[in-house]
Amino acid sequence: MRCLRPITLAFSLFLLGGCLGSGYPIGVIYNGTSMPHQMNRMEATGPARTGDREGQACATGIMGAVAWGDASLDAAKKAGSITEVHSVEFKPTVVALGIYYQACTVVHGK
């Protein structure tokens, strides 16, 4: 019976880790994020063009309990002084099954 508890806990963490690693972070206890909406992504003016400038905006989460940051398209455009969007990328960083999670919106344009 004693061996069953650690195995059950490890399996549960493994399953929950998969849920924490997709999309932008959200917090159960605290959530202060801004995320790009699908309609905002339609601003791209050309397929697969990189542009001269790059802007990045990130949101961060810890253990799915707290999350903060502004990963919106507008914040990324401001960070790179971009007025004409050519492409938008999503770059996640997950550490130790979602204990630390960061998702960034990266915008390329002019």
PDB file of N, CA and C in Angstrom:
ATOM      1  N   MET A   1       0.809  -1.196   0.000  1.00  0.00           N
ATOM      2  CA  MET A   1       0.000   0.000   0.000  1.00  0.00           C
ATOM      3  C   MET A   1       0.856   1.266   0.000  1.00  0.00           C
ATOM      4  N   ARG A   2       1.977   1.225   0.718  1.00  0.00           N
ATOM      5  CA  ARG A   2       2.824   2.410   0.801  1.00  0.00           C
ATOM      6  C   ARG A   2       3.456   2.743  -0.550  1.00  0.00           C
ATOM      7  N   CYS A   3       3.708   1.743  -1.339  1.00  0.00           N
ATOM      8  CA  CYS A   3       4.305   1.975  -2.662  1.00  0.00           C
ATOM      9  C   CYS A   3       3.282   2.568  -3.622  1.00  0.00           C
ATOM     10  N   LEU A   4       2.023   2.320  -3.381  1.00  0.00           N
ATOM     11  CA  LEU A   4       0.969   2.774  -4.286  1.00  0.00           C
ATOM     12  C   LEU A   4       0.788   4.288  -4.258  1.00  0.00           C
ATOM     13  N   ARG A   5       0.958   4.915  -3.110  1.00  0.00           N
ATOM     14  CA  ARG A   5       0.791   6.371  -3.011  1.00  0.00           C
ATOM     15  C   ARG A   5       1.786   7.144  -3.871  1.00  0.00           C
ATOM     16  N   PRO A   6       3.104   6.875  -3.783  1.00  0.00           N
ATOM     17  CA  PRO A   6       4.037   7.617  -4.641  1.00  0.00           C
ATOM     18  C   PRO A   6       3.797   7.378  -6.125  1.00  0.00           C
ATOM     19  N   ILE A   7       3.424   6.160  -6.485  1.00  0.00           N
ATOM     20  CA  ILE A   7       3.154   5.858  -7.893  1.00  0.00           C
ATOM     21  C   ILE A   7       1.920   6.622  -8.363  1.00  0.00           C
ATOM     22  N   THR A   8       0.891   6.642  -7.552  1.00  0.00           N
ATOM     23  CA  THR A   8      -0.328   7.377  -7.900  1.00  0.00           C
ATOM     24  C   THR A   8      -0.049   8.867  -8.016  1.00  0.00           C
ATOM     25  N   LEU A   9       0.728   9.418  -7.098  1.00  0.00           N
ATOM     26  CA  LEU A   9       1.080  10.837  -7.142  1.00  0.00           C
ATOM     27  C   LEU A   9       1.892  11.160  -8.394  1.00  0.00           C
ATOM     28  N   ALA A  10       2.873  10.346  -8.707  1.00  0.00           N
ATOM     29  CA  ALA A  10       3.704  10.579  -9.899  1.00  0.00           C
ATOM     30  C   ALA A  10       2.853  10.501 -11.167  1.00  0.00           C
ATOM     31  N   PHE A  11       1.958   9.541 -11.242  1.00  0.00           N
ATOM     32  CA  PHE A  11       1.089   9.403 -12.410  1.00  0.00           C
ATOM     33  C   PHE A  11       0.144  10.597 -12.543  1.00  0.00           C
ATOM     34  N   SER A  12      -0.379  11.068 -11.425  1.00  0.00           N
ATOM     35  CA  SER A  12      -1.268  12.233 -11.442  1.00  0.00           C
ATOM     36  C   SER A  12      -0.527  13.478 -11.920  1.00  0.00           C
ATOM     37  N   LEU A  13       0.687  13.697 -11.435  1.00  0.00           N
ATOM     38  CA  LEU A  13       1.486  14.836 -11.875  1.00  0.00           C
ATOM     39  C   LEU A  13       1.811  14.739 -13.356  1.00  0.00           C
ATOM     40  N   PHE A  14       2.064  13.535 -13.831  1.00  0.00           N
ATOM     41  CA  PHE A  14       2.339  13.334 -15.247  1.00  0.00           C
ATOM     42  C   PHE A  14       1.135  13.722 -16.096  1.00  0.00           C
ATOM     43  N   LEU A  15      -0.053  13.300 -15.674  1.00  0.00           N
ATOM     44  CA  LEU A  15      -1.272  13.643 -16.414  1.00  0.00           C
ATOM     45  C   LEU A  15      -1.558  15.139 -16.371  1.00  0.00           C
ATOM     46  N   LEU A  16      -1.402  15.758 -15.209  1.00  0.00           N
ATOM     47  CA  LEU A  16      -1.648  17.195 -15.087  1.00  0.00           C
ATOM     48  C   LEU A  16      -0.620  18.012 -15.852  1.00  0.00           C
ATOM     49  N   GLY A  17       0.595  17.536 -15.943  1.00  0.00           N
ATOM     50  CA  GLY A  17       1.630  18.238 -16.681  1.00  0.00           C
ATOM     51  C   GLY A  17       1.274  18.425 -18.143  1.00  0.00           C
ATOM     52  N   GLY A  18       0.588  17.470 -18.721  1.00  0.00           N
ATOM     53  CA  GLY A  18       0.154  17.588 -20.105  1.00  0.00           C
ATOM     54  C   GLY A  18      -0.879  18.687 -20.279  1.00  0.00           C
ATOM     55  N   CYS A  19      -1.701  18.907 -19.296  1.00  0.00           N
ATOM     56  CA  CYS A  19      -2.725  19.957 -19.379  1.00  0.00           C
ATOM     57  C   CYS A  19      -2.116  21.343 -19.237  1.00  0.00           C
ATOM     58  N   LEU A  20      -1.049  21.450 -18.497  1.00  0.00           N
ATOM     59  CA  LEU A  20      -0.450  22.755 -18.248  1.00  0.00           C
ATOM     60  C   LEU A  20       0.383  23.250 -19.415  1.00  0.00           C
ATOM     61  N   GLY A  21       0.751  22.392 -20.345  1.00  0.00           N
ATOM     62  CA  GLY A  21       1.686  22.764 -21.379  1.00  0.00           C
ATOM     63  C   GLY A  21       1.083  23.197 -22.697  1.00  0.00           C
ATOM     64  N   SER A  22      -0.176  23.576 -22.750  1.00  0.00           N
ATOM     65  CA  SER A  22      -0.750  23.986 -24.031  1.00  0.00           C
ATOM     66  C   SER A  22      -1.429  25.336 -23.888  1.00  0.00           C
ATOM     67  N   GLY A  23      -1.201  26.190 -24.861  1.00  0.00           N
ATOM     68  CA  GLY A  23      -1.818  27.509 -24.843  1.00  0.00           C
ATOM     69  C   GLY A  23      -1.149  28.464 -23.886  1.00  0.00           C
ATOM     70  N   TYR A  24      -1.795  29.556 -23.627  1.00  0.00           N
ATOM     71  CA  TYR A  24      -1.261  30.568 -22.720  1.00  0.00           C
ATOM     72  C   TYR A  24      -1.569  30.175 -21.286  1.00  0.00           C
ATOM     73  N   PRO A  25      -0.724  30.570 -20.340  1.00  0.00           N
ATOM     74  CA  PRO A  25      -0.954  30.171 -18.950  1.00  0.00           C
ATOM     75  C   PRO A  25      -2.157  30.879 -18.338  1.00  0.00           C
ATOM     76  N   ILE A  26      -2.887  30.141 -17.540  1.00  0.00           N
ATOM     77  CA  ILE A  26      -3.979  30.726 -16.769  1.00  0.00           C
ATOM     78  C   ILE A  26      -3.784  30.299 -15.323  1.00  0.00           C
ATOM     79  N   GLY A  27      -4.211  31.117 -14.407  1.00  0.00           N
ATOM     80  CA  GLY A  27      -4.047  30.791 -13.001  1.00  0.00           C
ATOM     81  C   GLY A  27      -5.381  30.529 -12.333  1.00  0.00           C
ATOM     82  N   VAL A  28      -5.412  29.529 -11.481  1.00  0.00           N
ATOM     83  CA  VAL A  28      -6.623  29.214 -10.734  1.00  0.00           C
ATOM     84  C   VAL A  28      -6.797  30.186  -9.579  1.00  0.00           C
ATOM     85  N   ILE A  29      -5.711  30.490  -8.876  1.00  0.00           N
ATOM     86  CA  ILE A  29      -5.762  31.407  -7.749  1.00  0.00           C
ATOM     87  C   ILE A  29      -5.679  32.851  -8.230  1.00  0.00           C
ATOM     88  N   TYR A  30      -4.804  33.132  -9.191  1.00  0.00           N
ATOM     89  CA  TYR A  30      -4.651  34.482  -9.727  1.00  0.00           C
ATOM     90  C   TYR A  30      -4.428  34.388 -11.227  1.00  0.00           C
ATOM     91  N   ASN A  31      -5.092  35.242 -11.995  1.00  0.00           N
ATOM     92  CA  ASN A  31      -4.907  35.282 -13.442  1.00  0.00           C
ATOM     93  C   ASN A  31      -4.943  36.733 -13.888  1.00  0.00           C
ATOM     94  N   GLY A  32      -3.814  37.259 -14.325  1.00  0.00           N
ATOM     95  CA  GLY A  32      -3.748  38.645 -14.778  1.00  0.00           C
ATOM     96  C   GLY A  32      -3.161  38.740 -16.178  1.00  0.00           C
ATOM     97  N   THR A  33      -3.535  37.839 -17.069  1.00  0.00           N
ATOM     98  CA  THR A  33      -2.945  37.790 -18.404  1.00  0.00           C
ATOM     99  C   THR A  33      -3.841  38.445 -19.448  1.00  0.00           C
ATOM    100  N   SER A  34      -3.213  38.900 -20.519  1.00  0.00           N
ATOM    101  CA  SER A  34      -3.917  39.345 -21.722  1.00  0.00           C
ATOM    102  C   SER A  34      -3.432  38.473 -22.862  1.00  0.00           C
ATOM    103  N   MET A  35      -4.337  37.960 -23.665  1.00  0.00           N
ATOM    104  CA  MET A  35      -3.958  37.036 -24.722  1.00  0.00           C
ATOM    105  C   MET A  35      -4.501  37.512 -26.063  1.00  0.00           C
ATOM    106  N   PRO A  36      -3.797  37.192 -27.154  1.00  0.00           N
ATOM    107  CA  PRO A  36      -4.298  37.609 -28.462  1.00  0.00           C
ATOM    108  C   PRO A  36      -5.555  36.829 -28.834  1.00  0.00           C
ATOM    109  N   HIS A  37      -6.472  37.494 -29.455  1.00  0.00           N
ATOM    110  CA  HIS A  37      -7.699  36.875 -29.923  1.00  0.00           C
ATOM    111  C   HIS A  37      -7.492  36.410 -31.353  1.00  0.00           C
ATOM    112  N   GLN A  38      -8.204  35.385 -31.771  1.00  0.00           N
ATOM    113  CA  GLN A  38      -8.060  34.869 -33.132  1.00  0.00           C
ATOM    114  C   GLN A  38      -8.280  35.954 -34.180  1.00  0.00           C
ATOM    115  N   MET A  39      -9.187  36.881 -33.951  1.00  0.00           N
ATOM    116  CA  MET A  39      -9.456  37.942 -34.918  1.00  0.00           C
ATOM    117  C   MET A  39      -8.255  38.864 -35.062  1.00  0.00           C
ATOM    118  N   ASN A  40      -7.508  39.105 -33.979  1.00  0.00           N
ATOM    119  CA  ASN A  40      -6.327  39.949 -34.051  1.00  0.00           C
ATOM    120  C   ASN A  40      -5.260  39.342 -34.952  1.00  0.00           C
ATOM    121  N   ARG A  41      -5.211  38.037 -35.026  1.00  0.00           N
ATOM    122  CA  ARG A  41      -4.204  37.372 -35.846  1.00  0.00           C
ATOM    123  C   ARG A  41      -4.458  37.599 -37.335  1.00  0.00           C
ATOM    124  N   MET A  42      -5.651  38.032 -37.687  1.00  0.00           N
ATOM    125  CA  MET A  42      -5.982  38.277 -39.082  1.00  0.00           C
ATOM    126  C   MET A  42      -5.372  39.579 -39.599  1.00  0.00           C
ATOM    127  N   GLU A  43      -4.679  40.332 -38.740  1.00  0.00           N
ATOM    128  CA  GLU A  43      -4.055  41.581 -39.153  1.00  0.00           C
ATOM    129  C   GLU A  43      -2.869  41.368 -40.077  1.00  0.00           C
ATOM    130  N   ALA A  44      -2.357  40.157 -40.155  1.00  0.00           N
ATOM    131  CA  ALA A  44      -1.174  39.888 -40.972  1.00  0.00           C
ATOM    132  C   ALA A  44      -1.426  40.335 -42.413  1.00  0.00           C
ATOM    133  N   THR A  45      -0.473  41.057 -42.980  1.00  0.00           N
ATOM    134  CA  THR A  45      -0.658  41.627 -44.311  1.00  0.00           C
ATOM    135  C   THR A  45       0.001  40.820 -45.404  1.00  0.00           C
ATOM    136  N   GLY A  46       0.711  39.774 -45.075  1.00  0.00           N
ATOM    137  CA  GLY A  46       1.351  38.957 -46.097  1.00  0.00           C
ATOM    138  C   GLY A  46       1.731  37.601 -45.544  1.00  0.00           C
ATOM    139  N   PRO A  47       1.670  36.568 -46.371  1.00  0.00           N
ATOM    140  CA  PRO A  47       1.979  35.230 -45.882  1.00  0.00           C
ATOM    141  C   PRO A  47       3.480  35.017 -45.687  1.00  0.00           C
ATOM    142  N   ALA A  48       3.844  34.619 -44.495  1.00  0.00           N
ATOM    143  CA  ALA A  48       5.206  34.196 -44.164  1.00  0.00           C
ATOM    144  C   ALA A  48       6.290  35.240 -44.422  1.00  0.00           C
ATOM    145  N   ARG A  49       5.959  36.509 -44.384  1.00  0.00           N
ATOM    146  CA  ARG A  49       6.993  37.538 -44.494  1.00  0.00           C
ATOM    147  C   ARG A  49       7.463  37.880 -43.100  1.00  0.00           C
ATOM    148  N   THR A  50       8.768  38.046 -42.936  1.00  0.00           N
ATOM    149  CA  THR A  50       9.286  38.282 -41.592  1.00  0.00           C
ATOM    150  C   THR A  50       9.318  39.751 -41.207  1.00  0.00           C
ATOM    151  N   GLY A  51       9.557  40.654 -42.134  1.00  0.00           N
ATOM    152  CA  GLY A  51       9.612  42.070 -41.792  1.00  0.00           C
ATOM    153  C   GLY A  51      10.945  42.473 -41.202  1.00  0.00           C
ATOM    154  N   ASP A  52      11.101  43.768 -40.968  1.00  0.00           N
ATOM    155  CA  ASP A  52      12.357  44.312 -40.473  1.00  0.00           C
ATOM    156  C   ASP A  52      12.452  44.298 -38.952  1.00  0.00           C
ATOM    157  N   ARG A  53      11.319  44.296 -38.278  1.00  0.00           N
ATOM    158  CA  ARG A  53      11.301  44.430 -36.812  1.00  0.00           C
ATOM    159  C   ARG A  53      10.640  43.219 -36.160  1.00  0.00           C
ATOM    160  N   GLU A  54      10.961  43.080 -34.873  1.00  0.00           N
ATOM    161  CA  GLU A  54      10.358  41.999 -34.093  1.00  0.00           C
ATOM    162  C   GLU A  54       9.953  42.545 -32.735  1.00  0.00           C
ATOM    163  N   GLY A  55       8.756  42.204 -32.294  1.00  0.00           N
ATOM    164  CA  GLY A  55       8.281  42.586 -30.974  1.00  0.00           C
ATOM    165  C   GLY A  55       7.829  41.352 -30.222  1.00  0.00           C
ATOM    166  N   GLN A  56       8.083  41.324 -28.929  1.00  0.00           N
ATOM    167  CA  GLN A  56       7.737  40.159 -28.124  1.00  0.00           C
ATOM    168  C   GLN A  56       7.025  40.587 -26.852  1.00  0.00           C
ATOM    169  N   ALA A  57       5.969  39.871 -26.497  1.00  0.00           N
ATOM    170  CA  ALA A  57       5.226  40.116 -25.261  1.00  0.00           C
ATOM    171  C   ALA A  57       4.944  38.764 -24.616  1.00  0.00           C
ATOM    172  N   CYS A  58       5.130  38.670 -23.297  1.00  0.00           N
ATOM    173  CA  CYS A  58       5.046  37.372 -22.620  1.00  0.00           C
ATOM    174  C   CYS A  58       4.085  37.390 -21.428  1.00  0.00           C
ATOM    175  N   ALA A  59       3.529  36.218 -21.146  1.00  0.00           N
ATOM    176  CA  ALA A  59       2.744  35.968 -19.937  1.00  0.00           C
ATOM    177  C   ALA A  59       3.390  34.778 -19.229  1.00  0.00           C
ATOM    178  N   THR A  60       3.371  34.787 -17.907  1.00  0.00           N
ATOM    179  CA  THR A  60       4.043  33.767 -17.109  1.00  0.00           C
ATOM    180  C   THR A  60       3.070  33.159 -16.112  1.00  0.00           C
ATOM    181  N   GLY A  61       3.213  31.859 -15.868  1.00  0.00           N
ATOM    182  CA  GLY A  61       2.380  31.164 -14.898  1.00  0.00           C
ATOM    183  C   GLY A  61       3.213  30.227 -14.043  1.00  0.00           C
ATOM    184  N   ILE A  62       2.778  30.017 -12.812  1.00  0.00           N
ATOM    185  CA  ILE A  62       3.465  29.106 -11.901  1.00  0.00           C
ATOM    186  C   ILE A  62       2.471  28.082 -11.369  1.00  0.00           C
ATOM    187  N   MET A  63       2.743  26.823 -11.658  1.00  0.00           N
ATOM    188  CA  MET A  63       1.964  25.676 -11.176  1.00  0.00           C
ATOM    189  C   MET A  63       0.472  25.766 -11.501  1.00  0.00           C
ATOM    190  N   GLY A  64       0.083  26.508 -12.475  1.00  0.00           N
ATOM    191  CA  GLY A  64      -1.326  26.643 -12.808  1.00  0.00           C
ATOM    192  C   GLY A  64      -2.123  27.366 -11.737  1.00  0.00           C
ATOM    193  N   ALA A  65      -1.434  27.956 -10.774  1.00  0.00           N
ATOM    194  CA  ALA A  65      -2.123  28.632  -9.672  1.00  0.00           C
ATOM    195  C   ALA A  65      -2.146  30.132  -9.867  1.00  0.00           C
ATOM    196  N   VAL A  66      -1.040  30.711 -10.315  1.00  0.00           N
ATOM    197  CA  VAL A  66      -0.979  32.146 -10.553  1.00  0.00           C
ATOM    198  C   VAL A  66      -0.425  32.396 -11.949  1.00  0.00           C
ATOM    199  N   ALA A  67      -0.888  33.462 -12.571  1.00  0.00           N
ATOM    200  CA  ALA A  67      -0.412  33.841 -13.905  1.00  0.00           C
ATOM    201  C   ALA A  67      -0.467  35.354 -14.039  1.00  0.00           C
ATOM    202  N   TRP A  68       0.509  35.930 -14.758  1.00  0.00           N
ATOM    203  CA  TRP A  68       0.544  37.382 -14.952  1.00  0.00           C
ATOM    204  C   TRP A  68       1.241  37.690 -16.266  1.00  0.00           C
ATOM    205  N   GLY A  69       1.056  38.900 -16.735  1.00  0.00           N
ATOM    206  CA  GLY A  69       1.742  39.356 -17.932  1.00  0.00           C
ATOM    207  C   GLY A  69       0.771  39.729 -19.033  1.00  0.00           C
ATOM    208  N   ASP A  70       1.272  40.429 -20.023  1.00  0.00           N
ATOM    209  CA  ASP A  70       0.476  40.866 -21.160  1.00  0.00           C
ATOM    210  C   ASP A  70       1.100  40.278 -22.420  1.00  0.00           C
ATOM    211  N   ALA A  71       0.553  39.190 -22.917  1.00  0.00           N
ATOM    212  CA  ALA A  71       1.066  38.538 -24.117  1.00  0.00           C
ATOM    213  C   ALA A  71       0.180  38.855 -25.322  1.00  0.00           C
ATOM    214  N   SER A  72      -0.462  40.007 -25.293  1.00  0.00           N
ATOM    215  CA  SER A  72      -1.378  40.365 -26.372  1.00  0.00           C
ATOM    216  C   SER A  72      -0.622  40.800 -27.621  1.00  0.00           C
ATOM    217  N   LEU A  73      -1.304  40.776 -28.728  1.00  0.00           N
ATOM    218  CA  LEU A  73      -0.730  41.212 -29.991  1.00  0.00           C
ATOM    219  C   LEU A  73      -0.366  42.692 -29.925  1.00  0.00           C
ATOM    220  N   ASP A  74      -1.213  43.498 -29.309  1.00  0.00           N
ATOM    221  CA  ASP A  74      -0.924  44.931 -29.178  1.00  0.00           C
ATOM    222  C   ASP A  74       0.352  45.184 -28.374  1.00  0.00           C
ATOM    223  N   ALA A  75       0.548  44.435 -27.295  1.00  0.00           N
ATOM    224  CA  ALA A  75       1.756  44.615 -26.481  1.00  0.00           C
ATOM    225  C   ALA A  75       3.011  44.230 -27.273  1.00  0.00           C
ATOM    226  N   ALA A  76       2.922  43.169 -28.057  1.00  0.00           N
ATOM    227  CA  ALA A  76       4.069  42.755 -28.875  1.00  0.00           C
ATOM    228  C   ALA A  76       4.349  43.783 -29.972  1.00  0.00           C
ATOM    229  N   LYS A  77       3.292  44.353 -30.559  1.00  0.00           N
ATOM    230  CA  LYS A  77       3.476  45.389 -31.583  1.00  0.00           C
ATOM    231  C   LYS A  77       4.146  46.622 -30.979  1.00  0.00           C
ATOM    232  N   LYS A  78       3.718  47.021 -29.781  1.00  0.00           N
ATOM    233  CA  LYS A  78       4.325  48.180 -29.108  1.00  0.00           C
ATOM    234  C   LYS A  78       5.793  47.921 -28.783  1.00  0.00           C
ATOM    235  N   ALA A  79       6.099  46.707 -28.322  1.00  0.00           N
ATOM    236  CA  ALA A  79       7.477  46.375 -27.948  1.00  0.00           C
ATOM    237  C   ALA A  79       8.429  46.469 -29.139  1.00  0.00           C
ATOM    238  N   GLY A  80       7.935  46.188 -30.340  1.00  0.00           N
ATOM    239  CA  GLY A  80       8.784  46.245 -31.521  1.00  0.00           C
ATOM    240  C   GLY A  80       8.549  47.456 -32.395  1.00  0.00           C
ATOM    241  N   SER A  81       7.709  48.385 -31.933  1.00  0.00           N
ATOM    242  CA  SER A  81       7.336  49.570 -32.731  1.00  0.00           C
ATOM    243  C   SER A  81       6.858  49.157 -34.117  1.00  0.00           C
ATOM    244  N   ILE A  82       5.935  48.207 -34.153  1.00  0.00           N
ATOM    245  CA  ILE A  82       5.433  47.650 -35.407  1.00  0.00           C
ATOM    246  C   ILE A  82       4.038  48.190 -35.692  1.00  0.00           C
ATOM    247  N   THR A  83       3.830  48.647 -36.915  1.00  0.00           N
ATOM    248  CA  THR A  83       2.503  49.114 -37.340  1.00  0.00           C
ATOM    249  C   THR A  83       1.909  48.206 -38.405  1.00  0.00           C
ATOM    250  N   GLU A  84       2.743  47.471 -39.127  1.00  0.00           N
ATOM    251  CA  GLU A  84       2.288  46.565 -40.181  1.00  0.00           C
ATOM    252  C   GLU A  84       2.742  45.145 -39.833  1.00  0.00           C
ATOM    253  N   VAL A  85       1.804  44.284 -39.459  1.00  0.00           N
ATOM    254  CA  VAL A  85       2.122  42.928 -39.013  1.00  0.00           C
ATOM    255  C   VAL A  85       2.263  42.000 -40.210  1.00  0.00           C
ATOM    256  N   HIS A  86       3.375  41.234 -40.224  1.00  0.00           N
ATOM    257  CA  HIS A  86       3.593  40.256 -41.285  1.00  0.00           C
ATOM    258  C   HIS A  86       3.373  38.834 -40.801  1.00  0.00           C
ATOM    259  N   SER A  87       3.781  38.540 -39.574  1.00  0.00           N
ATOM    260  CA  SER A  87       3.559  37.203 -39.039  1.00  0.00           C
ATOM    261  C   SER A  87       3.519  37.244 -37.514  1.00  0.00           C
ATOM    262  N   VAL A  88       2.827  36.272 -36.934  1.00  0.00           N
ATOM    263  CA  VAL A  88       2.693  36.156 -35.483  1.00  0.00           C
ATOM    264  C   VAL A  88       3.085  34.743 -35.094  1.00  0.00           C
ATOM    265  N   GLU A  89       3.923  34.628 -34.059  1.00  0.00           N
ATOM    266  CA  GLU A  89       4.345  33.319 -33.572  1.00  0.00           C
ATOM    267  C   GLU A  89       3.991  33.170 -32.097  1.00  0.00           C
ATOM    268  N   PHE A  90       3.840  31.928 -31.691  1.00  0.00           N
ATOM    269  CA  PHE A  90       3.601  31.584 -30.289  1.00  0.00           C
ATOM    270  C   PHE A  90       4.811  30.786 -29.818  1.00  0.00           C
ATOM    271  N   LYS A  91       5.463  31.232 -28.731  1.00  0.00           N
ATOM    272  CA  LYS A  91       6.643  30.543 -28.206  1.00  0.00           C
ATOM    273  C   LYS A  91       6.445  30.214 -26.728  1.00  0.00           C
ATOM    274  N   PRO A  92       6.138  28.947 -26.427  1.00  0.00           N
ATOM    275  CA  PRO A  92       5.987  28.555 -25.023  1.00  0.00           C
ATOM    276  C   PRO A  92       7.301  28.056 -24.416  1.00  0.00           C
ATOM    277  N   THR A  93       7.445  28.237 -23.104  1.00  0.00           N
ATOM    278  CA  THR A  93       8.548  27.672 -22.333  1.00  0.00           C
ATOM    279  C   THR A  93       7.935  27.003 -21.112  1.00  0.00           C
ATOM    280  N   VAL A  94       8.137  25.692 -20.980  1.00  0.00           N
ATOM    281  CA  VAL A  94       7.577  24.932 -19.862  1.00  0.00           C
ATOM    282  C   VAL A  94       8.725  24.287 -19.102  1.00  0.00           C
ATOM    283  N   VAL A  95       8.731  24.441 -17.782  1.00  0.00           N
ATOM    284  CA  VAL A  95       9.779  23.866 -16.942  1.00  0.00           C
ATOM    285  C   VAL A  95       9.138  22.917 -15.935  1.00  0.00           C
ATOM    286  N   ALA A  96       9.683  21.717 -15.858  1.00  0.00           N
ATOM    287  CA  ALA A  96       9.301  20.731 -14.841  1.00  0.00           C
ATOM    288  C   ALA A  96       7.793  20.516 -14.773  1.00  0.00           C
ATOM    289  N   LEU A  97       7.237  20.029 -15.869  1.00  0.00           N
ATOM    290  CA  LEU A  97       5.805  19.681 -15.941  1.00  0.00           C
ATOM    291  C   LEU A  97       4.885  20.852 -15.617  1.00  0.00           C
ATOM    292  N   GLY A  98       5.291  22.049 -15.934  1.00  0.00           N
ATOM    293  CA  GLY A  98       4.421  23.200 -15.737  1.00  0.00           C
ATOM    294  C   GLY A  98       4.584  23.916 -14.423  1.00  0.00           C
ATOM    295  N   ILE A  99       5.614  23.579 -13.646  1.00  0.00           N
ATOM    296  CA  ILE A  99       5.854  24.335 -12.421  1.00  0.00           C
ATOM    297  C   ILE A  99       6.090  25.799 -12.793  1.00  0.00           C
ATOM    298  N   TYR A 100       6.864  26.017 -13.857  1.00  0.00           N
ATOM    299  CA  TYR A 100       7.057  27.368 -14.403  1.00  0.00           C
ATOM    300  C   TYR A 100       6.671  27.303 -15.877  1.00  0.00           C
ATOM    301  N   TYR A 101       5.866  28.263 -16.319  1.00  0.00           N
ATOM    302  CA  TYR A 101       5.381  28.257 -17.704  1.00  0.00           C
ATOM    303  C   TYR A 101       5.379  29.689 -18.220  1.00  0.00           C
ATOM    304  N   GLN A 102       5.988  29.889 -19.391  1.00  0.00           N
ATOM    305  CA  GLN A 102       5.970  31.215 -20.004  1.00  0.00           C
ATOM    306  C   GLN A 102       5.576  31.063 -21.463  1.00  0.00           C
ATOM    307  N   ALA A 103       4.664  31.917 -21.915  1.00  0.00           N
ATOM    308  CA  ALA A 103       4.219  31.906 -23.307  1.00  0.00           C
ATOM    309  C   ALA A 103       4.387  33.309 -23.864  1.00  0.00           C
ATOM    310  N   CYS A 104       5.010  33.396 -25.036  1.00  0.00           N
ATOM    311  CA  CYS A 104       5.284  34.684 -25.644  1.00  0.00           C
ATOM    312  C   CYS A 104       4.622  34.779 -27.021  1.00  0.00           C
ATOM    313  N   THR A 105       4.120  35.965 -27.324  1.00  0.00           N
ATOM    314  CA  THR A 105       3.632  36.287 -28.649  1.00  0.00           C
ATOM    315  C   THR A 105       4.733  37.076 -29.323  1.00  0.00           C
ATOM    316  N   VAL A 106       5.199  36.607 -30.467  1.00  0.00           N
ATOM    317  CA  VAL A 106       6.270  37.255 -31.200  1.00  0.00           C
ATOM    318  C   VAL A 106       5.697  37.746 -32.527  1.00  0.00           C
ATOM    319  N   VAL A 107       5.864  39.038 -32.794  1.00  0.00           N
ATOM    320  CA  VAL A 107       5.318  39.653 -33.986  1.00  0.00           C
ATOM    321  C   VAL A 107       6.464  40.139 -34.870  1.00  0.00           C
ATOM    322  N   HIS A 108       6.362  39.862 -36.166  1.00  0.00           N
ATOM    323  CA  HIS A 108       7.327  40.341 -37.142  1.00  0.00           C
ATOM    324  C   HIS A 108       6.599  41.312 -38.076  1.00  0.00           C
ATOM    325  N   GLY A 109       7.247  42.398 -38.435  1.00  0.00           N
ATOM    326  CA  GLY A 109       6.629  43.360 -39.339  1.00  0.00           C
ATOM    327  C   GLY A 109       7.461  44.601 -39.510  1.00  0.00           C
ATOM    328  N   LYS A 110       6.789  45.658 -39.934  1.00  0.00           N
ATOM    329  CA  LYS A 110       7.458  46.944 -40.180  1.00  0.00           C
ATOM    330  C   LYS A 110       6.857  48.023 -39.295  1.00  0.00           C
TER     331      LYS A 110
END
